[in-house]
Protein backbone atom coordinates (compact mmCIF):
# COMPACT_ATOMS: atom_id res chain seq x y z
CA MET A 1 6.93 31.29 13.25
CA ILE A 2 5.23 34.78 13.62
CA MET A 3 7.18 37.92 14.05
CA VAL A 4 6.26 40.91 15.60
CA ASP A 5 8.02 43.81 16.48
CA ASN A 6 10.98 41.34 16.32
CA ARG A 7 9.58 39.07 18.53
CA ILE A 8 7.87 35.80 18.21
CA ASP A 9 4.14 36.29 18.51
CA ASN A 10 3.29 34.78 22.02
CA SER A 11 -0.67 34.88 21.20
CA PRO A 12 -2.48 31.39 20.63
CA THR A 13 -4.03 30.08 17.64
CA SER A 14 -8.09 29.89 17.68
CA SER A 15 -7.70 26.58 18.93
CA GLY A 16 -6.31 27.82 22.23
CA VAL A 17 -2.74 25.82 21.63
CA HIS A 18 0.33 28.16 20.33
CA PRO A 19 1.80 26.69 17.17
CA LEU A 20 5.42 26.41 18.40
CA LYS A 21 4.00 24.73 21.52
CA PHE A 22 2.30 22.42 19.71
CA SER A 23 5.01 21.43 17.07
CA LEU A 24 7.41 20.81 20.09
CA TRP A 25 5.06 18.60 22.09
CA LEU A 26 5.02 16.45 18.85
CA ILE A 27 8.57 16.51 19.15
CA ILE A 28 8.49 15.17 22.57
CA ILE A 29 6.26 12.74 21.57
CA SER A 30 7.82 11.23 18.97
CA ILE A 31 11.24 10.97 20.76
CA ILE A 32 9.14 9.34 23.76
CA MET A 33 8.19 6.63 20.95
CA MET A 34 11.53 5.98 19.24
CA PHE A 35 12.81 5.87 23.01
CA ALA A 36 10.33 3.28 24.04
CA ALA A 37 11.21 1.07 20.89
CA PHE A 38 14.92 1.24 21.96
CA THR A 39 14.36 -0.10 25.21
CA SER A 40 11.82 -2.55 24.57
CA ALA A 41 14.40 -3.86 21.92
CA TYR A 42 16.85 -3.74 24.53
CA ILE A 43 14.70 -6.19 26.49
CA VAL A 44 13.61 -8.41 23.83
CA ARG A 45 17.43 -8.93 22.44
CA ARG A 46 18.63 -9.44 26.16
CA GLU A 47 16.73 -12.05 26.79
CA GLU A 48 17.65 -14.03 23.52
CA GLY A 49 21.03 -14.74 25.10
CA ASN A 50 24.32 -14.01 23.62
CA TRP A 51 24.45 -10.95 26.13
CA LEU A 52 27.62 -9.66 27.52
CA GLU A 53 27.52 -8.12 30.95
CA PHE A 54 29.68 -5.61 32.22
CA GLU A 55 30.18 -2.66 34.13
CA LEU A 56 28.51 0.72 33.25
CA PRO A 57 30.88 3.46 32.73
CA THR A 58 31.31 5.32 36.20
CA ILE A 59 30.63 8.60 34.15
CA LEU A 60 26.86 7.70 33.61
CA LEU A 61 25.96 8.64 37.62
CA ILE A 62 28.07 11.95 37.10
CA ASN A 63 26.50 12.76 34.06
CA THR A 64 22.95 12.17 35.77
CA LEU A 65 23.94 14.30 38.52
CA ILE A 66 25.21 17.01 36.22
CA ILE A 67 21.96 16.83 34.09
CA VAL A 68 20.10 17.24 37.13
CA LEU A 69 21.55 20.23 37.71
CA SER A 70 21.10 21.72 34.08
CA SER A 71 17.63 21.57 35.17
CA VAL A 72 18.06 23.76 37.86
CA THR A 73 19.84 26.18 36.43
CA MET A 74 17.68 26.52 33.13
CA GLN A 75 14.72 26.72 35.34
CA TRP A 76 16.10 29.46 37.43
CA ALA A 77 16.23 31.34 33.77
CA TYR A 78 12.87 30.74 33.09
CA VAL A 79 11.63 31.95 36.78
CA SER A 80 14.15 34.96 36.34
CA ALA A 81 12.59 35.96 32.96
CA LYS A 82 9.04 35.58 34.40
CA LYS A 83 10.68 38.29 37.04
CA ASN A 84 12.31 40.45 34.28
CA ASN A 85 15.66 39.79 36.16
CA ILE A 86 17.93 39.85 32.72
CA LYS A 87 21.09 39.44 34.27
CA ALA A 88 19.68 36.02 36.24
CA ILE A 89 18.23 34.70 32.74
CA LYS A 90 21.86 35.11 31.30
CA LEU A 91 24.20 33.45 33.93
CA GLY A 92 21.48 30.20 34.06
CA LEU A 93 21.53 29.99 30.61
CA ILE A 94 25.05 30.16 30.02
CA LEU A 95 25.31 27.80 33.39
CA THR A 96 22.73 25.72 31.61
CA ALA A 97 24.98 25.81 28.02
CA ALA A 98 28.09 24.93 30.10
CA LEU A 99 27.08 21.66 32.18
CA GLY A 100 24.93 20.73 29.16
CA THR A 101 28.94 20.69 27.42
CA ALA A 102 29.84 19.03 30.43
CA PHE A 103 27.37 16.19 29.93
CA LEU A 104 28.35 15.50 26.46
CA ILE A 105 31.85 15.31 27.41
CA GLY A 106 31.10 13.15 29.95
CA GLN A 107 29.41 10.89 27.37
CA TRP A 108 32.48 10.85 25.37
CA ASN A 109 34.81 9.75 27.97
CA GLY A 110 32.37 7.00 28.84
CA TRP A 111 32.51 5.56 25.29
CA ALA A 112 36.11 6.16 25.97
CA GLU A 113 35.70 4.08 29.06
CA LEU A 114 33.76 1.35 26.88
CA VAL A 115 36.53 0.92 24.40
CA GLN A 116 39.19 0.38 26.57
CA ASN A 117 37.03 -2.12 28.03
CA ASN A 118 36.88 -4.09 24.48
CA ILE A 119 32.89 -3.37 24.26
CA TYR A 120 32.81 -1.48 20.77
CA PHE A 121 29.49 -0.74 18.80
CA GLY A 122 28.89 -3.28 15.83
CA GLY A 123 30.84 -5.52 13.96
CA SER A 124 31.75 -9.17 14.46
CA THR A 125 33.88 -8.80 17.85
CA SER A 126 31.18 -6.76 19.56
CA ASN A 127 28.06 -7.60 21.75
CA PRO A 128 24.61 -6.46 21.39
CA SER A 129 24.66 -5.06 25.07
CA GLY A 130 27.48 -2.98 23.80
CA SER A 131 25.93 -1.74 20.46
CA PHE A 132 22.88 -1.05 22.44
CA LEU A 133 24.60 1.18 25.25
CA TYR A 134 26.20 3.30 22.41
CA VAL A 135 22.52 3.68 20.70
CA LEU A 136 20.74 4.31 24.01
CA THR A 137 23.74 7.21 24.92
CA GLY A 138 24.12 8.45 21.32
CA VAL A 139 20.93 9.20 20.08
CA HIS A 140 20.24 10.90 23.56
CA GLY A 141 23.46 12.63 23.13
CA PHE A 142 21.92 14.07 19.67
CA HIS A 143 19.07 15.05 21.18
CA LEU A 144 20.90 17.00 23.66
CA VAL A 145 23.07 18.49 20.90
CA THR A 146 19.63 19.82 19.48
CA GLY A 147 18.67 20.99 23.25
CA LEU A 148 21.95 23.13 23.53
CA VAL A 149 21.81 25.17 20.23
CA PHE A 150 18.03 25.69 21.51
CA VAL A 151 19.71 27.24 24.52
CA LEU A 152 22.14 29.09 22.68
CA ILE A 153 19.68 30.65 20.46
CA THR A 154 17.69 31.84 23.55
CA LEU A 155 20.99 33.04 25.21
CA MET A 156 21.67 35.01 22.34
CA SER A 157 18.20 36.58 22.30
CA SER A 158 18.73 37.22 25.79
CA LEU A 159 21.70 39.11 25.40
CA LYS A 160 19.93 41.41 23.03
CA TYR A 161 16.60 41.69 25.44
CA LYS A 162 14.39 39.89 23.64
CA VAL A 163 13.85 37.51 26.75
CA HIS A 164 11.76 38.85 29.27
CA SER A 165 8.43 38.67 31.08
CA LYS A 166 6.39 40.19 27.82
CA ASN A 167 8.12 37.74 25.38
CA ILE A 168 8.25 34.94 27.51
CA LEU A 169 7.65 31.69 24.75
CA ARG A 170 11.37 31.45 23.60
CA ILE A 171 12.35 30.10 26.85
CA GLN A 172 9.26 28.66 28.13
CA LEU A 173 9.31 26.45 25.07
CA CYS A 174 13.37 26.07 25.64
CA THR A 175 12.66 25.20 29.64
CA VAL A 176 10.26 22.33 28.76
CA TYR A 177 12.44 20.72 26.05
CA TRP A 178 15.52 20.74 28.31
CA HIS A 179 13.48 19.25 31.23
CA PHE A 180 12.35 16.62 28.98
CA LEU A 181 15.81 15.79 28.22
CA GLY A 182 16.64 15.55 31.77
CA GLY A 183 13.90 13.29 32.36
CA LEU A 184 14.64 11.24 29.30
CA TRP A 185 17.62 10.67 30.96
CA LEU A 186 17.13 9.31 34.19
CA TYR A 187 15.03 7.27 32.75
CA LEU A 188 17.56 5.59 30.54
CA TYR A 189 19.89 5.78 33.88
CA ILE A 190 17.42 3.83 35.60
CA PHE A 191 16.48 1.68 32.80
CA LEU A 192 20.06 0.83 32.53
CA ARG A 193 20.70 0.23 35.97
CA ILE A 194 17.78 -2.27 36.45
CA ASN A 195 18.44 -4.11 33.47
CA HIS A 196 22.13 -3.91 32.93
């Protein structure tokens, strides 16, 4: 990370792509490949039989609405940064962090609902369908935690007036990653609804 006057250098390299943007896209591509492998394994294992059918926790739909709303607040913060609306940047990031936290609490409650219905992860008494659900939602939850850390770092920078139209890279990268996590969740939710 190149620092200039206590801010991230927004200038691209000679290749025309900023190294942080390039790194973020590599991370996103690797996450896409991982979830493509998970969902492919899900389909293959389901076709082999011994697959328990059960209702998905209702919180998954609520979480879908929460994460879509969090993408709206993240986009609002980004647009506000381009307009130098510092108050709106802070509020947008705070709302995004709050919604992201609510999403994680919802995931925890979804797992609690699974346990109440005797659907466990791993072990001799579990069924692979339940284990796959834990893995898909759990790995996404882990990445959402990393996204929340990114949002909080960006929020701390905005509190120090380091996020504005002349220093947009940090919030731009944060916005791209957060939208990606939202899109990934939508894919997982639709995949589970269709294939469950």
